[in-house]
Full PDB file with SEQRES, HELIX, SHEET, SSBOND, CRYST1, ORIGX, SCALE, CONECT and MASTER records, all heavy atoms in Angstrom:
SEQRES   1 A   42  VAL GLN ARG LEU ILE GLU PRO LEU GLY ASP GLU GLY LEU          
SEQRES   2 A   42  GLN THR GLU ALA LEU PHE ILE PRO ALA LEU THR ALA PHE          
SEQRES   3 A   42  TYR LEU GLY ASP PHE GLN GLN SER ARG SER CYS CYS GLU          
SEQRES   4 A   42  LYS GLY PHE                                                  
HELIX    1 AA1 GLN A    2  ILE A    5  1                                   4    
HELIX    2 AA2 GLU A    6  LEU A    8  5                                   3    
HELIX    3 AA3 GLU A   11  TYR A   27  1                                  17    
HELIX    4 AA4 PHE A   31  GLY A   41  1                                  11    
CRYST1    1.000    1.000    1.000  90.00  90.00  90.00 P 1           1          
ORIGX1      1.000000  0.000000  0.000000        0.00000                         
ORIGX2      0.000000  1.000000  0.000000        0.00000                         
ORIGX3      0.000000  0.000000  1.000000        0.00000                         
SCALE1      1.000000  0.000000  0.000000        0.00000                         
SCALE2      0.000000  1.000000  0.000000        0.00000                         
SCALE3      0.000000  0.000000  1.000000        0.00000                         
ATOM      1  N   VAL A   1       4.111  -8.944  -2.247  1.00  0.00           N  
ATOM      2  CA  VAL A   1       2.723  -9.054  -1.804  1.00  0.00           C  
ATOM      3  C   VAL A   1       1.778  -8.462  -2.842  1.00  0.00           C  
ATOM      4  O   VAL A   1       0.703  -9.009  -3.116  1.00  0.00           O  
ATOM      5  CB  VAL A   1       2.545  -8.356  -0.433  1.00  0.00           C  
ATOM      6  CG1 VAL A   1       1.081  -8.140  -0.123  1.00  0.00           C  
ATOM      7  CG2 VAL A   1       3.190  -9.188   0.667  1.00  0.00           C  
ATOM      8  N   GLN A   2       2.179  -7.354  -3.447  1.00  0.00           N  
ATOM      9  CA  GLN A   2       1.341  -6.738  -4.463  1.00  0.00           C  
ATOM     10  C   GLN A   2       1.131  -7.676  -5.647  1.00  0.00           C  
ATOM     11  O   GLN A   2       0.020  -7.812  -6.162  1.00  0.00           O  
ATOM     12  CB  GLN A   2       1.978  -5.426  -4.937  1.00  0.00           C  
ATOM     13  CG  GLN A   2       1.057  -4.533  -5.753  1.00  0.00           C  
ATOM     14  CD  GLN A   2      -0.175  -4.087  -4.989  1.00  0.00           C  
ATOM     15  OE1 GLN A   2      -0.088  -3.748  -3.812  1.00  0.00           O  
ATOM     16  NE2 GLN A   2      -1.331  -4.100  -5.629  1.00  0.00           N  
ATOM     17  N   ARG A   3       2.188  -8.342  -6.059  1.00  0.00           N  
ATOM     18  CA  ARG A   3       2.077  -9.312  -7.169  1.00  0.00           C  
ATOM     19  C   ARG A   3       1.183 -10.488  -6.778  1.00  0.00           C  
ATOM     20  O   ARG A   3       0.473 -11.044  -7.613  1.00  0.00           O  
ATOM     21  CB  ARG A   3       3.465  -9.812  -7.575  1.00  0.00           C  
ATOM     22  CG  ARG A   3       4.289  -8.781  -8.334  1.00  0.00           C  
ATOM     23  CD  ARG A   3       5.499  -9.432  -8.998  1.00  0.00           C  
ATOM     24  NE  ARG A   3       6.427  -9.967  -8.009  1.00  0.00           N  
ATOM     25  CZ  ARG A   3       7.435  -9.283  -7.503  1.00  0.00           C  
ATOM     26  NH1 ARG A   3       7.639  -8.016  -7.858  1.00  0.00           N  
ATOM     27  NH2 ARG A   3       8.261  -9.830  -6.624  1.00  0.00           N  
ATOM     28  N   LEU A   4       1.210 -10.853  -5.508  1.00  0.00           N  
ATOM     29  CA  LEU A   4       0.429 -11.989  -5.026  1.00  0.00           C  
ATOM     30  C   LEU A   4      -1.072 -11.715  -5.111  1.00  0.00           C  
ATOM     31  O   LEU A   4      -1.854 -12.597  -5.498  1.00  0.00           O  
ATOM     32  CB  LEU A   4       0.829 -12.311  -3.582  1.00  0.00           C  
ATOM     33  CG  LEU A   4       0.051 -13.416  -2.861  1.00  0.00           C  
ATOM     34  CD1 LEU A   4       0.297 -14.769  -3.523  1.00  0.00           C  
ATOM     35  CD2 LEU A   4       0.445 -13.476  -1.386  1.00  0.00           C  
ATOM     36  N   ILE A   5      -1.489 -10.503  -4.753  1.00  0.00           N  
ATOM     37  CA  ILE A   5      -2.931 -10.243  -4.649  1.00  0.00           C  
ATOM     38  C   ILE A   5      -3.539  -9.636  -5.911  1.00  0.00           C  
ATOM     39  O   ILE A   5      -4.754  -9.621  -6.056  1.00  0.00           O  
ATOM     40  CB  ILE A   5      -3.242  -9.330  -3.450  1.00  0.00           C  
ATOM     41  CG1 ILE A   5      -2.591  -7.960  -3.653  1.00  0.00           C  
ATOM     42  CG2 ILE A   5      -2.828  -9.957  -2.147  1.00  0.00           C  
ATOM     43  CD1 ILE A   5      -3.381  -6.860  -3.024  1.00  0.00           C  
ATOM     44  N   GLU A   6      -2.731  -9.132  -6.826  1.00  0.00           N  
ATOM     45  CA  GLU A   6      -3.276  -8.479  -8.023  1.00  0.00           C  
ATOM     46  C   GLU A   6      -4.278  -9.344  -8.779  1.00  0.00           C  
ATOM     47  O   GLU A   6      -5.340  -8.860  -9.194  1.00  0.00           O  
ATOM     48  CB  GLU A   6      -2.146  -8.021  -8.936  1.00  0.00           C  
ATOM     49  CG  GLU A   6      -1.586  -6.650  -8.578  1.00  0.00           C  
ATOM     50  CD  GLU A   6      -0.443  -6.252  -9.493  1.00  0.00           C  
ATOM     51  OE1 GLU A   6      -0.119  -7.035 -10.423  1.00  0.00           O  
ATOM     52  OE2 GLU A   6       0.137  -5.173  -9.276  1.00  0.00           O  
ATOM     53  N   PRO A   7      -3.974 -10.648  -8.984  1.00  0.00           N  
ATOM     54  CA  PRO A   7      -4.924 -11.464  -9.765  1.00  0.00           C  
ATOM     55  C   PRO A   7      -6.261 -11.694  -9.061  1.00  0.00           C  
ATOM     56  O   PRO A   7      -7.220 -12.106  -9.715  1.00  0.00           O  
ATOM     57  CB  PRO A   7      -4.172 -12.790  -9.945  1.00  0.00           C  
ATOM     58  CG  PRO A   7      -2.741 -12.499  -9.645  1.00  0.00           C  
ATOM     59  CD  PRO A   7      -2.770 -11.408  -8.641  1.00  0.00           C  
ATOM     60  N   LEU A   8      -6.336 -11.428  -7.758  1.00  0.00           N  
ATOM     61  CA  LEU A   8      -7.554 -11.742  -7.003  1.00  0.00           C  
ATOM     62  C   LEU A   8      -8.649 -10.708  -7.198  1.00  0.00           C  
ATOM     63  O   LEU A   8      -9.834 -11.011  -7.008  1.00  0.00           O  
ATOM     64  CB  LEU A   8      -7.229 -11.868  -5.513  1.00  0.00           C  
ATOM     65  CG  LEU A   8      -6.159 -12.903  -5.132  1.00  0.00           C  
ATOM     66  CD1 LEU A   8      -5.940 -12.904  -3.634  1.00  0.00           C  
ATOM     67  CD2 LEU A   8      -6.546 -14.297  -5.624  1.00  0.00           C  
ATOM     68  N   GLY A   9      -8.283  -9.478  -7.550  1.00  0.00           N  
ATOM     69  CA  GLY A   9      -9.278  -8.437  -7.757  1.00  0.00           C  
ATOM     70  C   GLY A   9     -10.065  -8.078  -6.509  1.00  0.00           C  
ATOM     71  O   GLY A   9     -11.207  -7.631  -6.600  1.00  0.00           O  
ATOM     72  N   ASP A  10      -9.481  -8.255  -5.342  1.00  0.00           N  
ATOM     73  CA  ASP A  10     -10.146  -7.974  -4.068  1.00  0.00           C  
ATOM     74  C   ASP A  10      -9.656  -6.624  -3.554  1.00  0.00           C  
ATOM     75  O   ASP A  10      -8.510  -6.480  -3.119  1.00  0.00           O  
ATOM     76  CB  ASP A  10      -9.817  -9.084  -3.060  1.00  0.00           C  
ATOM     77  CG  ASP A  10     -10.556  -8.929  -1.737  1.00  0.00           C  
ATOM     78  OD1 ASP A  10     -10.838  -7.778  -1.338  1.00  0.00           O  
ATOM     79  OD2 ASP A  10     -10.843  -9.956  -1.100  1.00  0.00           O  
ATOM     80  N   GLU A  11     -10.540  -5.606  -3.609  1.00  0.00           N  
ATOM     81  CA  GLU A  11     -10.126  -4.265  -3.201  1.00  0.00           C  
ATOM     82  C   GLU A  11      -9.793  -4.199  -1.709  1.00  0.00           C  
ATOM     83  O   GLU A  11      -8.956  -3.401  -1.297  1.00  0.00           O  
ATOM     84  CB  GLU A  11     -11.211  -3.252  -3.556  1.00  0.00           C  
ATOM     85  CG  GLU A  11     -11.374  -3.062  -5.062  1.00  0.00           C  
ATOM     86  CD  GLU A  11     -12.351  -1.951  -5.413  1.00  0.00           C  
ATOM     87  OE1 GLU A  11     -13.064  -1.468  -4.497  1.00  0.00           O  
ATOM     88  OE2 GLU A  11     -12.393  -1.557  -6.602  1.00  0.00           O  
ATOM     89  N   GLY A  12     -10.460  -5.032  -0.911  1.00  0.00           N  
ATOM     90  CA  GLY A  12     -10.142  -5.072   0.508  1.00  0.00           C  
ATOM     91  C   GLY A  12      -8.714  -5.527   0.750  1.00  0.00           C  
ATOM     92  O   GLY A  12      -7.986  -4.951   1.569  1.00  0.00           O  
ATOM     93  N   LEU A  13      -8.300  -6.561   0.012  1.00  0.00           N  
ATOM     94  CA  LEU A  13      -6.918  -7.033   0.129  1.00  0.00           C  
ATOM     95  C   LEU A  13      -5.938  -6.011  -0.424  1.00  0.00           C  
ATOM     96  O   LEU A  13      -4.818  -5.862   0.084  1.00  0.00           O  
ATOM     97  CB  LEU A  13      -6.747  -8.367  -0.598  1.00  0.00           C  
ATOM     98  CG  LEU A  13      -7.321  -9.613   0.077  1.00  0.00           C  
ATOM     99  CD1 LEU A  13      -7.025 -10.847  -0.755  1.00  0.00           C  
ATOM    100  CD2 LEU A  13      -6.764  -9.789   1.494  1.00  0.00           C  
ATOM    101  N   GLN A  14      -6.339  -5.290  -1.453  1.00  0.00           N  
ATOM    102  CA  GLN A  14      -5.461  -4.256  -2.006  1.00  0.00           C  
ATOM    103  C   GLN A  14      -5.220  -3.152  -0.975  1.00  0.00           C  
ATOM    104  O   GLN A  14      -4.105  -2.632  -0.859  1.00  0.00           O  
ATOM    105  CB  GLN A  14      -6.071  -3.682  -3.278  1.00  0.00           C  
ATOM    106  CG  GLN A  14      -6.032  -4.645  -4.463  1.00  0.00           C  
ATOM    107  CD  GLN A  14      -6.780  -4.107  -5.674  1.00  0.00           C  
ATOM    108  OE1 GLN A  14      -6.980  -2.904  -5.807  1.00  0.00           O  
ATOM    109  NE2 GLN A  14      -7.196  -4.998  -6.555  1.00  0.00           N  
ATOM    110  N   THR A  15      -6.266  -2.805  -0.218  1.00  0.00           N  
ATOM    111  CA  THR A  15      -6.087  -1.824   0.854  1.00  0.00           C  
ATOM    112  C   THR A  15      -5.089  -2.343   1.885  1.00  0.00           C  
ATOM    113  O   THR A  15      -4.179  -1.623   2.306  1.00  0.00           O  
ATOM    114  CB  THR A  15      -7.436  -1.525   1.538  1.00  0.00           C  
ATOM    115  OG1 THR A  15      -8.368  -1.073   0.572  1.00  0.00           O  
ATOM    116  CG2 THR A  15      -7.276  -0.464   2.613  1.00  0.00           C  
ATOM    117  N   GLU A  16      -5.287  -3.601   2.303  1.00  0.00           N  
ATOM    118  CA  GLU A  16      -4.363  -4.204   3.278  1.00  0.00           C  
ATOM    119  C   GLU A  16      -2.935  -4.214   2.737  1.00  0.00           C  
ATOM    120  O   GLU A  16      -1.982  -3.930   3.465  1.00  0.00           O  
ATOM    121  CB  GLU A  16      -4.800  -5.632   3.600  1.00  0.00           C  
ATOM    122  CG  GLU A  16      -6.202  -5.778   4.165  1.00  0.00           C  
ATOM    123  CD  GLU A  16      -6.311  -5.439   5.638  1.00  0.00           C  
ATOM    124  OE1 GLU A  16      -5.265  -5.244   6.288  1.00  0.00           O  
ATOM    125  OE2 GLU A  16      -7.450  -5.368   6.131  1.00  0.00           O  
ATOM    126  N   ALA A  17      -2.794  -4.549   1.450  1.00  0.00           N  
ATOM    127  CA  ALA A  17      -1.469  -4.645   0.843  1.00  0.00           C  
ATOM    128  C   ALA A  17      -0.805  -3.275   0.741  1.00  0.00           C  
ATOM    129  O   ALA A  17       0.411  -3.155   0.938  1.00  0.00           O  
ATOM    130  CB  ALA A  17      -1.572  -5.289  -0.536  1.00  0.00           C  
ATOM    131  N   LEU A  18      -1.562  -2.221   0.451  1.00  0.00           N  
ATOM    132  CA  LEU A  18      -0.988  -0.885   0.320  1.00  0.00           C  
ATOM    133  C   LEU A  18      -0.519  -0.323   1.659  1.00  0.00           C  
ATOM    134  O   LEU A  18       0.343   0.569   1.704  1.00  0.00           O  
ATOM    135  CB  LEU A  18      -2.009   0.060  -0.319  1.00  0.00           C  
ATOM    136  CG  LEU A  18      -2.130  -0.066  -1.846  1.00  0.00           C  
ATOM    137  CD1 LEU A  18      -3.400   0.596  -2.343  1.00  0.00           C  
ATOM    138  CD2 LEU A  18      -0.901   0.541  -2.531  1.00  0.00           C  
ATOM    139  N   PHE A  19      -1.050  -0.856   2.756  1.00  0.00           N  
ATOM    140  CA  PHE A  19      -0.574  -0.399   4.062  1.00  0.00           C  
ATOM    141  C   PHE A  19       0.891  -0.793   4.275  1.00  0.00           C  
ATOM    142  O   PHE A  19       1.630  -0.083   4.971  1.00  0.00           O  
ATOM    143  CB  PHE A  19      -1.442  -0.984   5.177  1.00  0.00           C  
ATOM    144  CG  PHE A  19      -0.988  -0.593   6.553  1.00  0.00           C  
ATOM    145  CD1 PHE A  19      -1.049   0.729   6.968  1.00  0.00           C  
ATOM    146  CD2 PHE A  19      -0.484  -1.534   7.429  1.00  0.00           C  
ATOM    147  CE1 PHE A  19      -0.616   1.104   8.236  1.00  0.00           C  
ATOM    148  CE2 PHE A  19      -0.047  -1.178   8.695  1.00  0.00           C  
ATOM    149  CZ  PHE A  19      -0.124   0.148   9.096  1.00  0.00           C  
ATOM    150  N   ILE A  20       1.318  -1.886   3.666  1.00  0.00           N  
ATOM    151  CA  ILE A  20       2.696  -2.353   3.849  1.00  0.00           C  
ATOM    152  C   ILE A  20       3.704  -1.320   3.339  1.00  0.00           C  
ATOM    153  O   ILE A  20       4.590  -0.887   4.085  1.00  0.00           O  
ATOM    154  CB  ILE A  20       2.885  -3.737   3.201  1.00  0.00           C  
ATOM    155  CG1 ILE A  20       2.070  -4.780   3.981  1.00  0.00           C  
ATOM    156  CG2 ILE A  20       4.358  -4.121   3.137  1.00  0.00           C  
ATOM    157  CD1 ILE A  20       2.097  -6.169   3.378  1.00  0.00           C  
ATOM    158  N   PRO A  21       3.621  -0.868   2.054  1.00  0.00           N  
ATOM    159  CA  PRO A  21       4.561   0.177   1.630  1.00  0.00           C  
ATOM    160  C   PRO A  21       4.285   1.526   2.278  1.00  0.00           C  
ATOM    161  O   PRO A  21       5.211   2.335   2.426  1.00  0.00           O  
ATOM    162  CB  PRO A  21       4.358   0.240   0.110  1.00  0.00           C  
ATOM    163  CG  PRO A  21       2.992  -0.293  -0.128  1.00  0.00           C  
ATOM    164  CD  PRO A  21       2.792  -1.349   0.931  1.00  0.00           C  
ATOM    165  N   ALA A  22       3.031   1.800   2.671  1.00  0.00           N  
ATOM    166  CA  ALA A  22       2.729   3.080   3.321  1.00  0.00           C  
ATOM    167  C   ALA A  22       3.531   3.226   4.603  1.00  0.00           C  
ATOM    168  O   ALA A  22       4.175   4.257   4.845  1.00  0.00           O  
ATOM    169  CB  ALA A  22       1.234   3.184   3.605  1.00  0.00           C  
ATOM    170  N   LEU A  23       3.490   2.202   5.449  1.00  0.00           N  
ATOM    171  CA  LEU A  23       4.212   2.268   6.717  1.00  0.00           C  
ATOM    172  C   LEU A  23       5.715   2.175   6.503  1.00  0.00           C  
ATOM    173  O   LEU A  23       6.491   2.935   7.089  1.00  0.00           O  
ATOM    174  CB  LEU A  23       3.732   1.154   7.651  1.00  0.00           C  
ATOM    175  CG  LEU A  23       4.344   1.130   9.053  1.00  0.00           C  
ATOM    176  CD1 LEU A  23       3.320   0.650  10.077  1.00  0.00           C  
ATOM    177  CD2 LEU A  23       5.573   0.224   9.127  1.00  0.00           C  
ATOM    178  N   THR A  24       6.139   1.264   5.647  1.00  0.00           N  
ATOM    179  CA  THR A  24       7.578   1.066   5.436  1.00  0.00           C  
ATOM    180  C   THR A  24       8.216   2.323   4.857  1.00  0.00           C  
ATOM    181  O   THR A  24       9.290   2.754   5.302  1.00  0.00           O  
ATOM    182  CB  THR A  24       7.825  -0.133   4.509  1.00  0.00           C  
ATOM    183  OG1 THR A  24       7.092  -1.278   4.993  1.00  0.00           O  
ATOM    184  CG2 THR A  24       9.300  -0.486   4.471  1.00  0.00           C  
ATOM    185  N   ALA A  25       7.560   2.933   3.860  1.00  0.00           N  
ATOM    186  CA  ALA A  25       8.098   4.149   3.250  1.00  0.00           C  
ATOM    187  C   ALA A  25       8.185   5.281   4.267  1.00  0.00           C  
ATOM    188  O   ALA A  25       9.135   6.083   4.246  1.00  0.00           O  
ATOM    189  CB  ALA A  25       7.230   4.570   2.065  1.00  0.00           C  
ATOM    190  N   PHE A  26       7.221   5.361   5.161  1.00  0.00           N  
ATOM    191  CA  PHE A  26       7.249   6.414   6.185  1.00  0.00           C  
ATOM    192  C   PHE A  26       8.536   6.337   6.988  1.00  0.00           C  
ATOM    193  O   PHE A  26       9.234   7.350   7.181  1.00  0.00           O  
ATOM    194  CB  PHE A  26       6.042   6.296   7.107  1.00  0.00           C  
ATOM    195  CG  PHE A  26       6.086   7.256   8.256  1.00  0.00           C  
ATOM    196  CD1 PHE A  26       5.626   8.544   8.110  1.00  0.00           C  
ATOM    197  CD2 PHE A  26       6.633   6.875   9.479  1.00  0.00           C  
ATOM    198  CE1 PHE A  26       5.698   9.459   9.165  1.00  0.00           C  
ATOM    199  CE2 PHE A  26       6.710   7.772  10.532  1.00  0.00           C  
ATOM    200  CZ  PHE A  26       6.244   9.071  10.376  1.00  0.00           C  
ATOM    201  N   TYR A  27       8.877   5.146   7.474  1.00  0.00           N  
ATOM    202  CA  TYR A  27      10.067   5.032   8.324  1.00  0.00           C  
ATOM    203  C   TYR A  27      11.359   5.219   7.535  1.00  0.00           C  
ATOM    204  O   TYR A  27      12.388   5.587   8.104  1.00  0.00           O  
ATOM    205  CB  TYR A  27      10.055   3.703   9.073  1.00  0.00           C  
ATOM    206  CG  TYR A  27       9.056   3.710  10.196  1.00  0.00           C  
ATOM    207  CD1 TYR A  27       7.816   3.089  10.076  1.00  0.00           C  
ATOM    208  CD2 TYR A  27       9.315   4.396  11.387  1.00  0.00           C  
ATOM    209  CE1 TYR A  27       6.872   3.137  11.090  1.00  0.00           C  
ATOM    210  CE2 TYR A  27       8.380   4.449  12.410  1.00  0.00           C  
ATOM    211  CZ  TYR A  27       7.169   3.817  12.255  1.00  0.00           C  
ATOM    212  OH  TYR A  27       6.231   3.877  13.262  1.00  0.00           O  
ATOM    213  N   LEU A  28      11.303   4.994   6.243  1.00  0.00           N  
ATOM    214  CA  LEU A  28      12.470   5.266   5.396  1.00  0.00           C  
ATOM    215  C   LEU A  28      12.582   6.750   5.052  1.00  0.00           C  
ATOM    216  O   LEU A  28      13.521   7.156   4.381  1.00  0.00           O  
ATOM    217  CB  LEU A  28      12.394   4.430   4.118  1.00  0.00           C  
ATOM    218  CG  LEU A  28      12.623   2.929   4.318  1.00  0.00           C  
ATOM    219  CD1 LEU A  28      12.246   2.152   3.060  1.00  0.00           C  
ATOM    220  CD2 LEU A  28      14.084   2.652   4.692  1.00  0.00           C  
ATOM    221  N   GLY A  29      11.615   7.543   5.507  1.00  0.00           N  
ATOM    222  CA  GLY A  29      11.671   8.982   5.271  1.00  0.00           C  
ATOM    223  C   GLY A  29      11.063   9.427   3.961  1.00  0.00           C  
ATOM    224  O   GLY A  29      11.224  10.588   3.557  1.00  0.00           O  
ATOM    225  N   ASP A  30      10.351   8.548   3.279  1.00  0.00           N  
ATOM    226  CA  ASP A  30       9.701   8.896   2.009  1.00  0.00           C  
ATOM    227  C   ASP A  30       8.232   9.215   2.300  1.00  0.00           C  
ATOM    228  O   ASP A  30       7.335   8.399   2.087  1.00  0.00           O  
ATOM    229  CB  ASP A  30       9.823   7.735   1.020  1.00  0.00           C  
ATOM    230  CG  ASP A  30       9.426   8.127  -0.395  1.00  0.00           C  
ATOM    231  OD1 ASP A  30       8.776   9.186  -0.554  1.00  0.00           O  
ATOM    232  OD2 ASP A  30       9.748   7.384  -1.341  1.00  0.00           O  
ATOM    233  N   PHE A  31       8.001  10.436   2.762  1.00  0.00           N  
ATOM    234  CA  PHE A  31       6.665  10.800   3.221  1.00  0.00           C  
ATOM    235  C   PHE A  31       5.680  10.972   2.070  1.00  0.00           C  
ATOM    236  O   PHE A  31       4.488  10.700   2.231  1.00  0.00           O  
ATOM    237  CB  PHE A  31       6.741  12.075   4.067  1.00  0.00           C  
ATOM    238  CG  PHE A  31       7.736  11.972   5.189  1.00  0.00           C  
ATOM    239  CD1 PHE A  31       8.806  12.859   5.288  1.00  0.00           C  
ATOM    240  CD2 PHE A  31       7.621  10.961   6.139  1.00  0.00           C  
ATOM    241  CE1 PHE A  31       9.736  12.740   6.312  1.00  0.00           C  
ATOM    242  CE2 PHE A  31       8.536  10.841   7.176  1.00  0.00           C  
ATOM    243  CZ  PHE A  31       9.604  11.732   7.249  1.00  0.00           C  
ATOM    244  N   GLN A  32       6.162  11.382   0.920  1.00  0.00           N  
ATOM    245  CA  GLN A  32       5.281  11.501  -0.234  1.00  0.00           C  
ATOM    246  C   GLN A  32       4.780  10.127  -0.674  1.00  0.00           C  
ATOM    247  O   GLN A  32       3.600   9.957  -0.992  1.00  0.00           O  
ATOM    248  CB  GLN A  32       6.012  12.188  -1.401  1.00  0.00           C  
ATOM    249  CG  GLN A  32       6.198  13.685  -1.230  1.00  0.00           C  
ATOM    250  CD  GLN A  32       4.902  14.470  -1.453  1.00  0.00           C  
ATOM    251  OE1 GLN A  32       3.806  13.916  -1.468  1.00  0.00           O  
ATOM    252  NE2 GLN A  32       5.021  15.782  -1.592  1.00  0.00           N  
ATOM    253  N   GLN A  33       5.678   9.161  -0.702  1.00  0.00           N  
ATOM    254  CA  GLN A  33       5.278   7.806  -1.075  1.00  0.00           C  
ATOM    255  C   GLN A  33       4.309   7.217  -0.051  1.00  0.00           C  
ATOM    256  O   GLN A  33       3.314   6.572  -0.415  1.00  0.00           O  
ATOM    257  CB  GLN A  33       6.517   6.908  -1.195  1.00  0.00           C  
ATOM    258  CG  GLN A  33       6.237   5.436  -1.448  1.00  0.00           C  
ATOM    259  CD  GLN A  33       5.628   5.163  -2.815  1.00  0.00           C  
ATOM    260  OE1 GLN A  33       5.491   6.064  -3.639  1.00  0.00           O  
ATOM    261  NE2 GLN A  33       5.239   3.916  -3.062  1.00  0.00           N  
ATOM    262  N   SER A  34       4.573   7.454   1.215  1.00  0.00           N  
ATOM    263  CA  SER A  34       3.682   6.964   2.259  1.00  0.00           C  
ATOM    264  C   SER A  34       2.294   7.580   2.107  1.00  0.00           C  
ATOM    265  O   SER A  34       1.281   6.879   2.148  1.00  0.00           O  
ATOM    266  CB  SER A  34       4.258   7.298   3.640  1.00  0.00           C  
ATOM    267  OG  SER A  34       3.412   6.832   4.666  1.00  0.00           O  
ATOM    268  N   ARG A  35       2.247   8.877   1.912  1.00  0.00           N  
ATOM    269  CA  ARG A  35       0.964   9.561   1.726  1.00  0.00           C  
ATOM    270  C   ARG A  35       0.233   9.023   0.499  1.00  0.00           C  
ATOM    271  O   ARG A  35      -0.977   8.771   0.552  1.00  0.00           O  
ATOM    272  CB  ARG A  35       1.210  11.064   1.570  1.00  0.00           C  
ATOM    273  CG  ARG A  35      -0.030  11.871   1.243  1.00  0.00           C  
ATOM    274  CD  ARG A  35       0.345  13.294   0.880  1.00  0.00           C  
ATOM    275  NE  ARG A  35      -0.814  14.122   0.596  1.00  0.00           N  
ATOM    276  CZ  ARG A  35      -0.740  15.394   0.223  1.00  0.00           C  
ATOM    277  NH1 ARG A  35       0.433  15.980   0.105  1.00  0.00           N  
ATOM    278  NH2 ARG A  35      -1.844  16.081  -0.034  1.00  0.00           N  
ATOM    279  N   SER A  36       0.963   8.821  -0.590  1.00  0.00           N  
ATOM    280  CA  SER A  36       0.347   8.331  -1.827  1.00  0.00           C  
ATOM    281  C   SER A  36      -0.264   6.947  -1.623  1.00  0.00           C  
ATOM    282  O   SER A  36      -1.392   6.681  -2.062  1.00  0.00           O  
ATOM    283  CB  SER A  36       1.395   8.288  -2.946  1.00  0.00           C  
ATOM    284  OG  SER A  36       0.857   7.713  -4.115  1.00  0.00           O  
ATOM    285  N   CYS A  37       0.453   6.058  -0.954  1.00  0.00           N  
ATOM    286  CA  CYS A  37      -0.069   4.707  -0.704  1.00  0.00           C  
ATOM    287  C   CYS A  37      -1.307   4.765   0.182  1.00  0.00           C  
ATOM    288  O   CYS A  37      -2.264   4.002  -0.030  1.00  0.00           O  
ATOM    289  CB  CYS A  37       1.011   3.839  -0.054  1.00  0.00           C  
ATOM    290  SG  CYS A  37       2.372   3.393  -1.149  1.00  0.00           S  
ATOM    291  N   CYS A  38      -1.296   5.653   1.174  1.00  0.00           N  
ATOM    292  CA  CYS A  38      -2.464   5.784   2.051  1.00  0.00           C  
ATOM    293  C   CYS A  38      -3.674   6.289   1.274  1.00  0.00           C  
ATOM    294  O   CYS A  38      -4.795   5.790   1.445  1.00  0.00           O  
ATOM    295  CB  CYS A  38      -2.153   6.736   3.203  1.00  0.00           C  
ATOM    296  SG  CYS A  38      -0.992   6.076   4.424  1.00  0.00           S  
ATOM    297  N   GLU A  39      -3.462   7.264   0.416  1.00  0.00           N  
ATOM    298  CA  GLU A  39      -4.569   7.809  -0.374  1.00  0.00           C  
ATOM    299  C   GLU A  39      -5.149   6.743  -1.303  1.00  0.00           C  
ATOM    300  O   GLU A  39      -6.373   6.597  -1.420  1.00  0.00           O  
ATOM    301  CB  GLU A  39      -4.095   9.017  -1.177  1.00  0.00           C  
ATOM    302  CG  GLU A  39      -3.831  10.251  -0.315  1.00  0.00           C  
ATOM    303  CD  GLU A  39      -3.283  11.411  -1.125  1.00  0.00           C  
ATOM    304  OE1 GLU A  39      -2.818  11.174  -2.269  1.00  0.00           O  
ATOM    305  OE2 GLU A  39      -3.310  12.553  -0.617  1.00  0.00           O  
ATOM    306  N   LYS A  40      -4.274   5.988  -1.960  1.00  0.00           N  
ATOM    307  CA  LYS A  40      -4.740   4.926  -2.858  1.00  0.00           C  
ATOM    308  C   LYS A  40      -5.480   3.841  -2.074  1.00  0.00           C  
ATOM    309  O   LYS A  40      -6.531   3.348  -2.499  1.00  0.00           O  
ATOM    310  CB  LYS A  40      -3.554   4.304  -3.597  1.00  0.00           C  
ATOM    311  CG  LYS A  40      -2.906   5.207  -4.634  1.00  0.00           C  
ATOM    312  CD  LYS A  40      -1.683   4.538  -5.243  1.00  0.00           C  
ATOM    313  CE  LYS A  40      -0.972   5.449  -6.233  1.00  0.00           C  
ATOM    314  NZ  LYS A  40       0.273   4.822  -6.755  1.00  0.00           N  
ATOM    315  N   GLY A  41      -4.918   3.453  -0.950  1.00  0.00           N  
ATOM    316  CA  GLY A  41      -5.531   2.397  -0.148  1.00  0.00           C  
ATOM    317  C   GLY A  41      -6.872   2.798   0.399  1.00  0.00           C  
ATOM    318  O   GLY A  41      -7.835   2.024   0.371  1.00  0.00           O  
ATOM    319  N   PHE A  42      -6.961   4.034   0.898  1.00  0.00           N  
ATOM    320  CA  PHE A  42      -8.209   4.456   1.517  1.00  0.00           C  
ATOM    321  C   PHE A  42      -9.303   4.673   0.474  1.00  0.00           C  
ATOM    322  O   PHE A  42     -10.490   4.563   0.787  1.00  0.00           O  
ATOM    323  CB  PHE A  42      -7.995   5.721   2.342  1.00  0.00           C  
ATOM    324  CG  PHE A  42      -8.936   5.827   3.507  1.00  0.00           C  
ATOM    325  CD1 PHE A  42      -8.812   4.981   4.594  1.00  0.00           C  
ATOM    326  CD2 PHE A  42      -9.956   6.761   3.516  1.00  0.00           C  
ATOM    327  CE1 PHE A  42      -9.675   5.057   5.666  1.00  0.00           C  
ATOM    328  CE2 PHE A  42     -10.839   6.854   4.583  1.00  0.00           C  
ATOM    329  CZ  PHE A  42     -10.694   5.999   5.665  1.00  0.00           C  
TER     330      PHE A  42                                                      
MASTER        0    0    0    4    0    0    0    6  329    1    0    4          
END                                                                             
């Protein structure tokens, strides 16, 4: 998904896209990665 939206330059879509690894990483127990994705997205 990240590769799909990168060429579009749409920050709104980038926020939406970063939520995907933020949530997925959380459930995998990678809380630092989840936090990092949330900070970047927000």
